[in-house]
PDB file of N, CA and C in Angstrom:
ATOM      1  N   UNK A   1       0.918  -1.133   0.347  1.00  0.00           N
ATOM      2  CA  UNK A   1       0.019  -0.218   0.414  1.00  0.00           C
ATOM      3  C   UNK A   1       1.004   1.071  -0.298  1.00  0.00           C
ATOM      4  N   UNK A   2       0.532   2.030  -0.943  1.00  0.00           N
ATOM      5  CA  UNK A   2       1.205   3.669  -0.761  1.00  0.00           C
ATOM      6  C   UNK A   2       0.640   4.524   0.246  1.00  0.00           C
ATOM      7  N   UNK A   3       2.057   4.897   0.944  1.00  0.00           N
ATOM      8  CA  UNK A   3       1.607   5.965   2.048  1.00  0.00           C
ATOM      9  C   UNK A   3       2.046   7.006   1.506  1.00  0.00           C
ATOM     10  N   UNK A   4       0.854   8.021   2.081  1.00  0.00           N
ATOM     11  CA  UNK A   4       0.543   9.331   1.836  1.00  0.00           C
ATOM     12  C   UNK A   4       1.601   9.985   2.328  1.00  0.00           C
ATOM     13  N   UNK A   5       1.692  11.212   1.497  1.00  0.00           N
ATOM     14  CA  UNK A   5       2.313  11.988   1.874  1.00  0.00           C
ATOM     15  C   UNK A   5       2.124  13.282   2.414  1.00  0.00           C
ATOM     16  N   UNK A   6       3.001  13.638   3.205  1.00  0.00           N
ATOM     17  CA  UNK A   6       2.532  15.026   4.147  1.00  0.00           C
ATOM     18  C   UNK A   6       3.254  16.203   3.893  1.00  0.00           C
ATOM     19  N   UNK A   7       2.336  16.911   3.565  1.00  0.00           N
ATOM     20  CA  UNK A   7       3.244  18.423   3.277  1.00  0.00           C
ATOM     21  C   UNK A   7       3.043  19.814   4.069  1.00  0.00           C
ATOM     22  N   UNK A   8       3.456  20.886   4.524  1.00  0.00           N
ATOM     23  CA  UNK A   8       3.096  21.598   4.907  1.00  0.00           C
ATOM     24  C   UNK A   8       2.758  22.867   4.461  1.00  0.00           C
ATOM     25  N   UNK A   9       2.297  22.704   2.860  1.00  0.00           N
ATOM     26  CA  UNK A   9       1.735  23.470   2.501  1.00  0.00           C
ATOM     27  C   UNK A   9       0.491  23.450   2.512  1.00  0.00           C
ATOM     28  N   UNK A  10      -0.657  23.895   2.385  1.00  0.00           N
ATOM     29  CA  UNK A  10      -1.890  23.311   2.417  1.00  0.00           C
ATOM     30  C   UNK A  10      -2.736  24.246   1.431  1.00  0.00           C
ATOM     31  N   UNK A  11      -4.132  23.900   1.315  1.00  0.00           N
ATOM     32  CA  UNK A  11      -5.124  24.905   0.359  1.00  0.00           C
ATOM     33  C   UNK A  11      -4.967  26.307   0.930  1.00  0.00           C
ATOM     34  N   UNK A  12      -5.244  27.234   0.136  1.00  0.00           N
ATOM     35  CA  UNK A  12      -5.387  28.628   0.745  1.00  0.00           C
ATOM     36  C   UNK A  12      -4.459  29.174   1.501  1.00  0.00           C
ATOM     37  N   UNK A  13      -3.012  28.434   1.279  1.00  0.00           N
ATOM     38  CA  UNK A  13      -1.538  28.917   2.158  1.00  0.00           C
ATOM     39  C   UNK A  13      -1.199  30.197   0.631  1.00  0.00           C
ATOM     40  N   UNK A  14      -0.480  31.018   1.246  1.00  0.00           N
ATOM     41  CA  UNK A  14       0.184  32.159   0.384  1.00  0.00           C
ATOM     42  C   UNK A  14       1.350  31.546   0.642  1.00  0.00           C
ATOM     43  N   UNK A  15       1.753  31.635  -0.770  1.00  0.00           N
ATOM     44  CA  UNK A  15       3.191  30.560  -1.259  1.00  0.00           C
ATOM     45  C   UNK A  15       4.279  31.640  -2.343  1.00  0.00           C
ATOM     46  N   UNK A  16       5.364  31.639  -2.025  1.00  0.00           N
ATOM     47  CA  UNK A  16       6.154  32.116  -2.599  1.00  0.00           C
ATOM     48  C   UNK A  16       7.129  31.284  -3.914  1.00  0.00           C
ATOM     49  N   UNK A  17       7.309  31.219  -5.035  1.00  0.00           N
ATOM     50  CA  UNK A  17       8.054  30.396  -5.821  1.00  0.00           C
ATOM     51  C   UNK A  17       9.580  30.788  -5.953  1.00  0.00           C
ATOM     52  N   UNK A  18      10.334  29.622  -5.170  1.00  0.00           N
ATOM     53  CA  UNK A  18      11.717  30.126  -4.908  1.00  0.00           C
ATOM     54  C   UNK A  18      12.547  29.609  -5.976  1.00  0.00           C
ATOM     55  N   UNK A  19      11.956  28.602  -6.997  1.00  0.00           N
ATOM     56  CA  UNK A  19      12.787  28.445  -8.490  1.00  0.00           C
ATOM     57  C   UNK A  19      11.919  28.403 -10.027  1.00  0.00           C
ATOM     58  N   UNK A  20      12.671  28.099 -10.485  1.00  0.00           N
ATOM     59  CA  UNK A  20      11.578  28.041 -11.916  1.00  0.00           C
ATOM     60  C   UNK A  20      11.626  29.445 -12.734  1.00  0.00           C
ATOM     61  N   UNK A  21      10.185  29.306 -13.650  1.00  0.00           N
ATOM     62  CA  UNK A  21      10.152  30.317 -14.602  1.00  0.00           C
ATOM     63  C   UNK A  21       9.331  31.583 -13.965  1.00  0.00           C
ATOM     64  N   UNK A  22       8.487  30.977 -13.075  1.00  0.00           N
ATOM     65  CA  UNK A  22       7.836  32.224 -12.110  1.00  0.00           C
ATOM     66  C   UNK A  22       8.805  32.330 -11.018  1.00  0.00           C
ATOM     67  N   UNK A  23      10.311  32.017 -10.886  1.00  0.00           N
ATOM     68  CA  UNK A  23      10.796  32.585  -9.527  1.00  0.00           C
ATOM     69  C   UNK A  23      10.304  33.845  -8.879  1.00  0.00           C
ATOM     70  N   UNK A  24      10.191  34.023  -7.619  1.00  0.00           N
ATOM     71  CA  UNK A  24      10.030  35.091  -6.832  1.00  0.00           C
ATOM     72  C   UNK A  24       8.209  35.777  -6.848  1.00  0.00           C
ATOM     73  N   UNK A  25       7.574  35.058  -7.894  1.00  0.00           N
ATOM     74  CA  UNK A  25       6.133  35.205  -7.771  1.00  0.00           C
ATOM     75  C   UNK A  25       5.657  34.839  -6.698  1.00  0.00           C
ATOM     76  N   UNK A  26       4.573  35.314  -6.072  1.00  0.00           N
ATOM     77  CA  UNK A  26       3.967  34.613  -4.814  1.00  0.00           C
ATOM     78  C   UNK A  26       2.307  34.648  -5.582  1.00  0.00           C
ATOM     79  N   UNK A  27       1.900  34.044  -4.802  1.00  0.00           N
ATOM     80  CA  UNK A  27      -0.128  33.560  -4.886  1.00  0.00           C
ATOM     81  C   UNK A  27      -0.167  32.923  -4.153  1.00  0.00           C
ATOM     82  N   UNK A  28      -1.883  32.216  -4.111  1.00  0.00           N
ATOM     83  CA  UNK A  28      -2.832  31.497  -3.629  1.00  0.00           C
ATOM     84  C   UNK A  28      -2.972  30.393  -3.745  1.00  0.00           C
ATOM     85  N   UNK A  29      -2.742  29.028  -3.019  1.00  0.00           N
ATOM     86  CA  UNK A  29      -2.949  27.818  -3.349  1.00  0.00           C
ATOM     87  C   UNK A  29      -4.515  27.150  -3.437  1.00  0.00           C
ATOM     88  N   UNK A  30      -4.568  26.641  -4.671  1.00  0.00           N
ATOM     89  CA  UNK A  30      -5.792  26.368  -5.321  1.00  0.00           C
ATOM     90  C   UNK A  30      -6.202  25.175  -4.971  1.00  0.00           C
ATOM     91  N   UNK A  31      -4.809  24.448  -4.999  1.00  0.00           N
ATOM     92  CA  UNK A  31      -5.557  23.119  -5.053  1.00  0.00           C
ATOM     93  C   UNK A  31      -3.960  22.334  -4.872  1.00  0.00           C
ATOM     94  N   UNK A  32      -3.806  21.075  -3.818  1.00  0.00           N
ATOM     95  CA  UNK A  32      -2.652  20.327  -3.902  1.00  0.00           C
ATOM     96  C   UNK A  32      -3.028  19.293  -4.316  1.00  0.00           C
ATOM     97  N   UNK A  33      -1.786  18.182  -5.190  1.00  0.00           N
ATOM     98  CA  UNK A  33      -2.014  17.158  -5.823  1.00  0.00           C
ATOM     99  C   UNK A  33      -0.561  16.053  -5.118  1.00  0.00           C
ATOM    100  N   UNK A  34      -1.144  15.646  -4.074  1.00  0.00           N
ATOM    101  CA  UNK A  34      -0.051  14.721  -3.695  1.00  0.00           C
ATOM    102  C   UNK A  34       0.277  13.553  -4.238  1.00  0.00           C
ATOM    103  N   UNK A  35      -0.649  13.106  -5.154  1.00  0.00           N
ATOM    104  CA  UNK A  35       0.354  12.012  -5.906  1.00  0.00           C
ATOM    105  C   UNK A  35       1.546  12.332  -6.658  1.00  0.00           C
ATOM    106  N   UNK A  36       1.324  13.743  -7.515  1.00  0.00           N
ATOM    107  CA  UNK A  36       2.047  13.881  -7.777  1.00  0.00           C
ATOM    108  C   UNK A  36       3.378  15.095  -7.746  1.00  0.00           C
ATOM    109  N   UNK A  37       3.220  14.978  -6.540  1.00  0.00           N
ATOM    110  CA  UNK A  37       3.654  16.185  -5.495  1.00  0.00           C
ATOM    111  C   UNK A  37       4.168  17.640  -6.757  1.00  0.00           C
ATOM    112  N   UNK A  38       2.957  18.484  -6.538  1.00  0.00           N
ATOM    113  CA  UNK A  38       2.646  19.828  -6.955  1.00  0.00           C
ATOM    114  C   UNK A  38       1.182  19.994  -6.469  1.00  0.00           C
ATOM    115  N   UNK A  39       1.475  21.405  -6.847  1.00  0.00           N
ATOM    116  CA  UNK A  39       0.055  22.532  -6.425  1.00  0.00           C
ATOM    117  C   UNK A  39       0.072  22.979  -7.192  1.00  0.00           C
ATOM    118  N   UNK A  40      -1.624  23.641  -7.582  1.00  0.00           N
ATOM    119  CA  UNK A  40      -1.599  24.959  -8.335  1.00  0.00           C
ATOM    120  C   UNK A  40      -2.404  26.199  -7.898  1.00  0.00           C
ATOM    121  N   UNK A  41      -1.079  27.005  -7.996  1.00  0.00           N
ATOM    122  CA  UNK A  41      -1.196  28.323  -7.561  1.00  0.00           C
ATOM    123  C   UNK A  41      -1.612  29.329  -8.127  1.00  0.00           C
ATOM    124  N   UNK A  42      -2.746  30.023  -7.514  1.00  0.00           N
ATOM    125  CA  UNK A  42      -4.030  31.044  -8.462  1.00  0.00           C
ATOM    126  C   UNK A  42      -2.765  32.145  -9.355  1.00  0.00           C
ATOM    127  N   UNK A  43      -3.298  31.982 -10.769  1.00  0.00           N
ATOM    128  CA  UNK A  43      -2.412  32.987 -11.288  1.00  0.00           C
ATOM    129  C   UNK A  43      -0.701  32.651 -11.630  1.00  0.00           C
ATOM    130  N   UNK A  44      -0.801  31.855 -11.434  1.00  0.00           N
ATOM    131  CA  UNK A  44       0.811  31.345 -11.483  1.00  0.00           C
ATOM    132  C   UNK A  44       1.143  29.987 -12.323  1.00  0.00           C
ATOM    133  N   UNK A  45       2.340  30.197 -13.457  1.00  0.00           N
ATOM    134  CA  UNK A  45       2.339  28.981 -14.491  1.00  0.00           C
ATOM    135  C   UNK A  45       1.513  28.629 -15.065  1.00  0.00           C
ATOM    136  N   UNK A  46       1.281  29.489 -16.193  1.00  0.00           N
ATOM    137  CA  UNK A  46      -0.216  29.964 -16.714  1.00  0.00           C
ATOM    138  C   UNK A  46       0.287  29.455 -18.108  1.00  0.00           C
ATOM    139  N   UNK A  47      -0.879  28.424 -18.858  1.00  0.00           N
ATOM    140  CA  UNK A  47      -0.483  27.787 -20.292  1.00  0.00           C
ATOM    141  C   UNK A  47      -1.465  28.161 -21.293  1.00  0.00           C
ATOM    142  N   UNK A  48      -1.390  27.735 -22.028  1.00  0.00           N
ATOM    143  CA  UNK A  48      -2.389  27.643 -22.944  1.00  0.00           C
ATOM    144  C   UNK A  48      -2.967  26.599 -23.730  1.00  0.00           C
ATOM    145  N   UNK A  49      -4.121  26.325 -23.258  1.00  0.00           N
ATOM    146  CA  UNK A  49      -5.268  25.431 -23.825  1.00  0.00           C
ATOM    147  C   UNK A  49      -5.979  25.207 -24.868  1.00  0.00           C
ATOM    148  N   UNK A  50      -5.736  24.989 -25.907  1.00  0.00           N
ATOM    149  CA  UNK A  50      -6.732  25.024 -27.204  1.00  0.00           C
ATOM    150  C   UNK A  50      -7.804  24.622 -27.609  1.00  0.00           C
ATOM    151  N   UNK A  51      -9.081  24.958 -27.355  1.00  0.00           N
ATOM    152  CA  UNK A  51     -10.530  24.228 -26.801  1.00  0.00           C
ATOM    153  C   UNK A  51     -11.115  24.112 -28.053  1.00  0.00           C
ATOM    154  N   UNK A  52     -11.885  23.079 -28.460  1.00  0.00           N
ATOM    155  CA  UNK A  52     -12.724  22.776 -29.581  1.00  0.00           C
ATOM    156  C   UNK A  52     -13.954  23.081 -29.385  1.00  0.00           C
ATOM    157  N   UNK A  53     -15.113  23.392 -29.970  1.00  0.00           N
ATOM    158  CA  UNK A  53     -16.029  24.040 -29.645  1.00  0.00           C
ATOM    159  C   UNK A  53     -16.712  22.462 -29.421  1.00  0.00           C
ATOM    160  N   UNK A  54     -17.720  22.267 -27.895  1.00  0.00           N
ATOM    161  CA  UNK A  54     -18.132  21.167 -27.738  1.00  0.00           C
ATOM    162  C   UNK A  54     -20.046  21.641 -27.263  1.00  0.00           C
ATOM    163  N   UNK A  55     -20.255  20.337 -26.653  1.00  0.00           N
ATOM    164  CA  UNK A  55     -21.304  20.812 -25.844  1.00  0.00           C
ATOM    165  C   UNK A  55     -21.336  21.226 -24.267  1.00  0.00           C
ATOM    166  N   UNK A  56     -20.345  20.916 -23.868  1.00  0.00           N
ATOM    167  CA  UNK A  56     -20.286  21.714 -22.432  1.00  0.00           C
ATOM    168  C   UNK A  56     -20.158  23.392 -23.125  1.00  0.00           C
ATOM    169  N   UNK A  57     -19.233  23.384 -23.433  1.00  0.00           N
ATOM    170  CA  UNK A  57     -18.306  25.173 -23.612  1.00  0.00           C
ATOM    171  C   UNK A  57     -18.723  25.023 -25.506  1.00  0.00           C
ATOM    172  N   UNK A  58     -19.280  26.544 -25.750  1.00  0.00           N
ATOM    173  CA  UNK A  58     -19.804  26.272 -27.232  1.00  0.00           C
ATOM    174  C   UNK A  58     -19.430  26.985 -28.137  1.00  0.00           C
ATOM    175  N   UNK A  59     -18.317  27.605 -27.491  1.00  0.00           N
ATOM    176  CA  UNK A  59     -17.226  28.539 -28.221  1.00  0.00           C
ATOM    177  C   UNK A  59     -16.041  27.808 -27.793  1.00  0.00           C
ATOM    178  N   UNK A  60     -14.879  27.537 -28.530  1.00  0.00           N
ATOM    179  CA  UNK A  60     -13.765  27.203 -28.623  1.00  0.00           C
ATOM    180  C   UNK A  60     -13.067  28.492 -28.580  1.00  0.00           C
ATOM    181  N   UNK A  61     -11.893  27.974 -29.143  1.00  0.00           N
ATOM    182  CA  UNK A  61     -11.139  29.099 -28.756  1.00  0.00           C
ATOM    183  C   UNK A  61      -9.647  29.063 -27.495  1.00  0.00           C
ATOM    184  N   UNK A  62      -8.434  29.709 -27.282  1.00  0.00           N
ATOM    185  CA  UNK A  62      -7.761  29.805 -26.843  1.00  0.00           C
ATOM    186  C   UNK A  62      -7.744  30.103 -25.126  1.00  0.00           C
ATOM    187  N   UNK A  63      -7.942  29.245 -24.415  1.00  0.00           N
ATOM    188  CA  UNK A  63      -8.394  29.701 -22.870  1.00  0.00           C
ATOM    189  C   UNK A  63      -6.776  28.923 -21.400  1.00  0.00           C
ATOM    190  N   UNK A  64      -6.341  30.047 -21.305  1.00  0.00           N
ATOM    191  CA  UNK A  64      -5.108  29.981 -20.455  1.00  0.00           C
ATOM    192  C   UNK A  64      -5.728  30.106 -18.942  1.00  0.00           C
ATOM    193  N   UNK A  65      -4.964  28.619 -18.413  1.00  0.00           N
ATOM    194  CA  UNK A  65      -5.357  28.223 -17.262  1.00  0.00           C
ATOM    195  C   UNK A  65      -4.156  27.680 -16.544  1.00  0.00           C
ATOM    196  N   UNK A  66      -4.341  27.926 -14.900  1.00  0.00           N
ATOM    197  CA  UNK A  66      -2.848  27.143 -14.433  1.00  0.00           C
ATOM    198  C   UNK A  66      -2.092  26.170 -14.558  1.00  0.00           C
ATOM    199  N   UNK A  67      -0.769  26.296 -14.578  1.00  0.00           N
ATOM    200  CA  UNK A  67      -0.366  24.420 -14.788  1.00  0.00           C
ATOM    201  C   UNK A  67      -0.169  24.090 -13.312  1.00  0.00           C
ATOM    202  N   UNK A  68       0.219  22.743 -12.838  1.00  0.00           N
ATOM    203  CA  UNK A  68       1.011  22.379 -11.188  1.00  0.00           C
ATOM    204  C   UNK A  68       2.572  22.759 -11.601  1.00  0.00           C
ATOM    205  N   UNK A  69       2.742  23.447 -10.033  1.00  0.00           N
ATOM    206  CA  UNK A  69       4.229  23.841  -9.896  1.00  0.00           C
ATOM    207  C   UNK A  69       4.541  22.420  -8.894  1.00  0.00           C
ATOM    208  N   UNK A  70       5.911  22.237  -8.900  1.00  0.00           N
ATOM    209  CA  UNK A  70       6.573  21.224  -7.949  1.00  0.00           C
ATOM    210  C   UNK A  70       6.110  21.339  -6.447  1.00  0.00           C
ATOM    211  N   UNK A  71       5.765  20.772  -5.651  1.00  0.00           N
ATOM    212  CA  UNK A  71       6.089  21.510  -4.564  1.00  0.00           C
ATOM    213  C   UNK A  71       7.430  21.953  -3.860  1.00  0.00           C
ATOM    214  N   UNK A  72       8.331  21.304  -4.324  1.00  0.00           N
ATOM    215  CA  UNK A  72       9.931  21.646  -4.071  1.00  0.00           C
ATOM    216  C   UNK A  72      10.144  23.274  -4.365  1.00  0.00           C
ATOM    217  N   UNK A  73       9.740  23.845  -5.135  1.00  0.00           N
ATOM    218  CA  UNK A  73       9.567  24.971  -5.747  1.00  0.00           C
ATOM    219  C   UNK A  73       8.741  26.035  -4.927  1.00  0.00           C
ATOM    220  N   UNK A  74       8.027  25.921  -4.030  1.00  0.00           N
ATOM    221  CA  UNK A  74       7.085  26.344  -3.330  1.00  0.00           C
ATOM    222  C   UNK A  74       7.637  26.913  -1.926  1.00  0.00           C
ATOM    223  N   UNK A  75       7.610  28.034  -1.247  1.00  0.00           N
ATOM    224  CA  UNK A  75       7.735  28.212   0.252  1.00  0.00           C
ATOM    225  C   UNK A  75       7.016  28.784   0.743  1.00  0.00           C
ATOM    226  N   UNK A  76       6.536  28.590   1.957  1.00  0.00           N
ATOM    227  CA  UNK A  76       5.151  29.090   2.347  1.00  0.00           C
ATOM    228  C   UNK A  76       5.341  30.597   3.018  1.00  0.00           C
ATOM    229  N   UNK A  77       5.266  31.267   2.688  1.00  0.00           N
ATOM    230  CA  UNK A  77       4.545  32.928   3.767  1.00  0.00           C
ATOM    231  C   UNK A  77       3.847  33.078   4.878  1.00  0.00           C
ATOM    232  N   UNK A  78       4.644  33.485   5.799  1.00  0.00           N
ATOM    233  CA  UNK A  78       4.127  33.791   7.103  1.00  0.00           C
ATOM    234  C   UNK A  78       3.270  35.131   6.937  1.00  0.00           C
ATOM    235  N   UNK A  79       2.122  34.970   7.723  1.00  0.00           N
ATOM    236  CA  UNK A  79       0.707  36.447   7.471  1.00  0.00           C
ATOM    237  C   UNK A  79       1.664  37.251   8.758  1.00  0.00           C
ATOM    238  N   UNK A  80       2.307  36.762   9.844  1.00  0.00           N
ATOM    239  CA  UNK A  80       2.579  37.786  10.697  1.00  0.00           C
ATOM    240  C   UNK A  80       4.252  38.580  10.181  1.00  0.00           C
ATOM    241  N   UNK A  81       5.032  37.891   9.781  1.00  0.00           N
ATOM    242  CA  UNK A  81       6.492  38.154   9.348  1.00  0.00           C
ATOM    243  C   UNK A  81       6.263  38.578   7.904  1.00  0.00           C
ATOM    244  N   UNK A  82       5.344  37.961   7.027  1.00  0.00           N
ATOM    245  CA  UNK A  82       5.509  38.323   5.871  1.00  0.00           C
ATOM    246  C   UNK A  82       6.829  38.156   5.143  1.00  0.00           C
ATOM    247  N   UNK A  83       7.097  36.695   5.145  1.00  0.00           N
ATOM    248  CA  UNK A  83       8.803  37.067   4.889  1.00  0.00           C
ATOM    249  C   UNK A  83       8.435  35.238   4.247  1.00  0.00           C
ATOM    250  N   UNK A  84       9.335  34.420   3.314  1.00  0.00           N
ATOM    251  CA  UNK A  84       8.777  32.727   2.923  1.00  0.00           C
ATOM    252  C   UNK A  84       9.648  32.199   4.158  1.00  0.00           C
ATOM    253  N   UNK A  85       9.159  31.285   4.766  1.00  0.00           N
ATOM    254  CA  UNK A  85       9.664  30.676   5.473  1.00  0.00           C
ATOM    255  C   UNK A  85       9.392  29.455   5.684  1.00  0.00           C
ATOM    256  N   UNK A  86      10.357  28.557   6.448  1.00  0.00           N
ATOM    257  CA  UNK A  86      10.504  27.175   6.452  1.00  0.00           C
ATOM    258  C   UNK A  86       9.323  26.971   7.925  1.00  0.00           C
ATOM    259  N   UNK A  87       8.530  25.592   7.708  1.00  0.00           N
ATOM    260  CA  UNK A  87       7.597  25.417   8.610  1.00  0.00           C
ATOM    261  C   UNK A  87       7.635  24.204   9.535  1.00  0.00           C
ATOM    262  N   UNK A  88       7.668  24.354  10.727  1.00  0.00           N
ATOM    263  CA  UNK A  88       7.720  23.885  12.073  1.00  0.00           C
ATOM    264  C   UNK A  88       6.458  23.293  12.563  1.00  0.00           C
ATOM    265  N   UNK A  89       6.545  22.146  13.104  1.00  0.00           N
ATOM    266  CA  UNK A  89       5.299  21.498  13.886  1.00  0.00           C
ATOM    267  C   UNK A  89       5.020  21.729  15.655  1.00  0.00           C
ATOM    268  N   UNK A  90       4.364  22.258  16.055  1.00  0.00           N
ATOM    269  CA  UNK A  90       4.229  22.059  17.552  1.00  0.00           C
ATOM    270  C   UNK A  90       3.103  21.271  18.208  1.00  0.00           C
ATOM    271  N   UNK A  91       2.566  20.767  19.208  1.00  0.00           N
ATOM    272  CA  UNK A  91       2.222  20.320  20.026  1.00  0.00           C
ATOM    273  C   UNK A  91       1.085  20.686  21.306  1.00  0.00           C
ATOM    274  N   UNK A  92       0.398  21.515  20.650  1.00  0.00           N
ATOM    275  CA  UNK A  92      -0.480  22.843  21.711  1.00  0.00           C
ATOM    276  C   UNK A  92      -0.824  22.072  22.726  1.00  0.00           C
ATOM    277  N   UNK A  93      -0.777  22.306  24.029  1.00  0.00           N
ATOM    278  CA  UNK A  93      -1.551  21.468  25.354  1.00  0.00           C
ATOM    279  C   UNK A  93      -2.781  21.224  25.134  1.00  0.00           C
ATOM    280  N   UNK A  94      -4.024  21.671  24.342  1.00  0.00           N
ATOM    281  CA  UNK A  94      -5.298  20.900  24.498  1.00  0.00           C
ATOM    282  C   UNK A  94      -5.217  19.981  23.325  1.00  0.00           C
ATOM    283  N   UNK A  95      -3.835  19.315  22.999  1.00  0.00           N
ATOM    284  CA  UNK A  95      -3.281  18.256  22.319  1.00  0.00           C
ATOM    285  C   UNK A  95      -3.453  18.707  20.243  1.00  0.00           C
ATOM    286  N   UNK A  96      -3.572  19.887  20.066  1.00  0.00           N
ATOM    287  CA  UNK A  96      -3.502  20.060  18.689  1.00  0.00           C
ATOM    288  C   UNK A  96      -2.456  20.476  18.309  1.00  0.00           C
ATOM    289  N   UNK A  97      -2.008  19.980  16.519  1.00  0.00           N
ATOM    290  CA  UNK A  97      -0.814  19.761  16.100  1.00  0.00           C
ATOM    291  C   UNK A  97      -1.154  20.971  15.123  1.00  0.00           C
ATOM    292  N   UNK A  98      -0.265  22.072  15.105  1.00  0.00           N
ATOM    293  CA  UNK A  98      -0.167  23.315  14.540  1.00  0.00           C
ATOM    294  C   UNK A  98       1.212  23.372  13.819  1.00  0.00           C
ATOM    295  N   UNK A  99       0.840  24.686  12.757  1.00  0.00           N
ATOM    296  CA  UNK A  99       2.660  24.966  11.657  1.00  0.00           C
ATOM    297  C   UNK A  99       2.594  26.084  12.535  1.00  0.00           C
ATOM    298  N   UNK A 100       4.271  26.008  12.445  1.00  0.00           N
ATOM    299  CA  UNK A 100       4.763  27.181  13.137  1.00  0.00           C
ATOM    300  C   UNK A 100       5.662  27.924  12.162  1.00  0.00           C
ATOM    301  N   UNK A 101       6.093  29.622  12.656  1.00  0.00           N
ATOM    302  CA  UNK A 101       7.030  29.760  11.125  1.00  0.00           C
ATOM    303  C   UNK A 101       8.585  29.648  11.636  1.00  0.00           C
ATOM    304  N   UNK A 102       8.927  29.475  11.307  1.00  0.00           N
ATOM    305  CA  UNK A 102      10.232  29.155  12.364  1.00  0.00           C
ATOM    306  C   UNK A 102      11.136  30.631  11.843  1.00  0.00           C
ATOM    307  N   UNK A 103      11.068  31.667  11.718  1.00  0.00           N
ATOM    308  CA  UNK A 103      11.454  32.821  11.701  1.00  0.00           C
ATOM    309  C   UNK A 103      10.867  33.391  12.761  1.00  0.00           C
ATOM    310  N   UNK A 104       9.507  33.683  13.021  1.00  0.00           N
ATOM    311  CA  UNK A 104       9.331  34.706  14.364  1.00  0.00           C
ATOM    312  C   UNK A 104       8.206  33.599  15.031  1.00  0.00           C
ATOM    313  N   UNK A 105       8.414  32.208  15.196  1.00  0.00           N
ATOM    314  CA  UNK A 105       7.723  31.214  15.872  1.00  0.00           C
ATOM    315  C   UNK A 105       6.328  31.768  16.451  1.00  0.00           C
ATOM    316  N   UNK A 106       5.650  31.920  15.221  1.00  0.00           N
ATOM    317  CA  UNK A 106       4.238  32.785  15.553  1.00  0.00           C
ATOM    318  C   UNK A 106       3.140  31.145  14.758  1.00  0.00           C
ATOM    319  N   UNK A 107       2.286  30.808  14.772  1.00  0.00           N
ATOM    320  CA  UNK A 107       1.283  29.972  15.055  1.00  0.00           C
ATOM    321  C   UNK A 107       0.747  30.162  13.383  1.00  0.00           C
ATOM    322  N   UNK A 108       1.095  29.530  12.602  1.00  0.00           N
ATOM    323  CA  UNK A 108       0.462  29.810  11.282  1.00  0.00           C
ATOM    324  C   UNK A 108      -1.088  28.947  11.296  1.00  0.00           C
ATOM    325  N   UNK A 109      -2.046  27.952  11.651  1.00  0.00           N
ATOM    326  CA  UNK A 109      -3.013  27.534  11.755  1.00  0.00           C
ATOM    327  C   UNK A 109      -3.542  28.495  12.575  1.00  0.00           C
TER     328      UNK A 109
END
């Protein structure tokens, strides 16, 4: 049985791209694809898709959509210190496991 991978980046997190053609840009994570180690970030890594007219879309044409980015090329942006940061885990007194910013020690979740 395949083991599920755990990621420090989740849906709706703000991330910065640290490598590749979109390097330096940031955006919100729309979807995480664990099987492929990738994430789709809003308005980043856009590709053009040529669509033929069909029953669903009456009008064809060229459509721009987001393409997945490798998870290793993304870094979480802390909401408190607004810097790209590494993420650590901490267990609170009420037995909740939360993510925290390694730069400013603030809880992210």
